[in-house]
Structure formats: C-alpha cells, structure tokens
Amino acid sequence: MHAGLCLLRLPPRDFWALTPVEFLAMTGGMRGRGAGMEKAGLEALMRAFPDG
C-alpha cells in the first residue's frame, strides 16, 4: 500500500483497481536482473576473500 499510495501517488480508487501484474510492473518487478556472474568473476572473488 505504501508503494502504491505514497511512492506512486495513486488515488485509492486506482490503486485498488490494479491487478497484481500491473502493480508489479509499476513497481519495477518486471525488469530484467541483468547478467549473472561469470566463472572468472567468482574465482577472482574466491581468491580475494578466501574462506578461513
């Protein structure tokens, strides 16, 4: 409710009329996450921060 009514400043009538998919899209939940970490990146982190 905070996201819809305060952050997006939707009137209550419009907020309650949204479908879950519409609300997810309006709050950025449908954006791609981007590329994951490559193996070389993981290995570099493991070298930089080894487990004790």
C-alpha atoms as a PDB file:
ATOM      1  CA  MET A   1       0.000   0.000   0.000  1.00  0.00           C
ATOM      2  CA  HIS A   2       2.851   2.383   0.790  1.00  0.00           C
ATOM      3  CA  ALA A   3       4.344   1.902  -2.680  1.00  0.00           C
ATOM      4  CA  GLY A   4       1.048   2.473  -4.449  1.00  0.00           C
ATOM      5  CA  LEU A   5      -0.429   5.264  -2.382  1.00  0.00           C
ATOM      6  CA  CYS A   6       2.686   7.132  -1.218  1.00  0.00           C
ATOM      7  CA  LEU A   7       5.527   6.438  -3.636  1.00  0.00           C
ATOM      8  CA  LEU A   8       3.480   6.178  -6.839  1.00  0.00           C
ATOM      9  CA  ARG A   9       0.887   8.667  -5.507  1.00  0.00           C
ATOM     10  CA  LEU A  10      -2.022   6.749  -6.956  1.00  0.00           C
ATOM     11  CA  PRO A  11      -5.514   7.700  -5.874  1.00  0.00           C
ATOM     12  CA  PRO A  12      -7.003   4.908  -3.711  1.00  0.00           C
ATOM     13  CA  ARG A  13      -9.567   4.120  -6.427  1.00  0.00           C
ATOM     14  CA  ASP A  14      -6.784   3.492  -8.973  1.00  0.00           C
ATOM     15  CA  PHE A  15      -4.599   1.601  -6.508  1.00  0.00           C
ATOM     16  CA  TRP A  16      -7.332  -0.872  -5.600  1.00  0.00           C
ATOM     17  CA  ALA A  17      -8.279  -1.331  -9.268  1.00  0.00           C
ATOM     18  CA  LEU A  18      -4.774  -2.551 -10.211  1.00  0.00           C
ATOM     19  CA  THR A  19      -4.176  -6.208 -10.952  1.00  0.00           C
ATOM     20  CA  PRO A  20      -1.181  -7.820  -9.226  1.00  0.00           C
ATOM     21  CA  VAL A  21       0.676  -7.887 -12.567  1.00  0.00           C
ATOM     22  CA  GLU A  22       0.033  -4.186 -13.155  1.00  0.00           C
ATOM     23  CA  PHE A  23       1.267  -3.354  -9.647  1.00  0.00           C
ATOM     24  CA  LEU A  24       4.375  -5.494 -10.152  1.00  0.00           C
ATOM     25  CA  ALA A  25       5.122  -3.715 -13.439  1.00  0.00           C
ATOM     26  CA  MET A  26       4.622  -0.262 -11.897  1.00  0.00           C
ATOM     27  CA  THR A  27       6.978  -1.020  -9.012  1.00  0.00           C
ATOM     28  CA  GLY A  28       9.768  -2.315 -11.253  1.00  0.00           C
ATOM     29  CA  GLY A  29       9.315  -6.007 -10.540  1.00  0.00           C
ATOM     30  CA  MET A  30       9.297  -6.971 -14.207  1.00  0.00           C
ATOM     31  CA  ARG A  31      12.708  -5.556 -15.097  1.00  0.00           C
ATOM     32  CA  GLY A  32      15.417  -7.993 -16.020  1.00  0.00           C
ATOM     33  CA  ARG A  33      18.007  -8.764 -13.392  1.00  0.00           C
ATOM     34  CA  GLY A  34      20.948  -8.456 -15.757  1.00  0.00           C
ATOM     35  CA  ALA A  35      23.670 -10.936 -16.421  1.00  0.00           C
ATOM     36  CA  GLY A  36      24.851 -13.219 -13.665  1.00  0.00           C
ATOM     37  CA  MET A  37      28.443 -13.583 -12.555  1.00  0.00           C
ATOM     38  CA  GLU A  38      30.833 -15.390 -14.873  1.00  0.00           C
ATOM     39  CA  LYS A  39      33.061 -18.184 -13.566  1.00  0.00           C
ATOM     40  CA  ALA A  40      36.164 -15.961 -13.803  1.00  0.00           C
ATOM     41  CA  GLY A  41      34.490 -13.328 -11.614  1.00  0.00           C
ATOM     42  CA  LEU A  42      33.598 -15.906  -8.981  1.00  0.00           C
ATOM     43  CA  GLU A  43      37.134 -17.290  -8.970  1.00  0.00           C
ATOM     44  CA  ALA A  44      38.551 -13.780  -8.548  1.00  0.00           C
ATOM     45  CA  LEU A  45      36.315 -13.177  -5.555  1.00  0.00           C
ATOM     46  CA  MET A  46      37.301 -16.525  -4.055  1.00  0.00           C
ATOM     47  CA  ARG A  47      40.986 -15.590  -4.357  1.00  0.00           C
ATOM     48  CA  ALA A  48      40.414 -12.132  -2.893  1.00  0.00           C
ATOM     49  CA  PHE A  49      38.293 -13.388   0.004  1.00  0.00           C
ATOM     50  CA  PRO A  50      39.324 -16.962   0.818  1.00  0.00           C
ATOM     51  CA  ASP A  51      37.425 -18.940   3.416  1.00  0.00           C
ATOM     52  CA  GLY A  52      39.496 -19.256   6.587  1.00  0.00           C
END
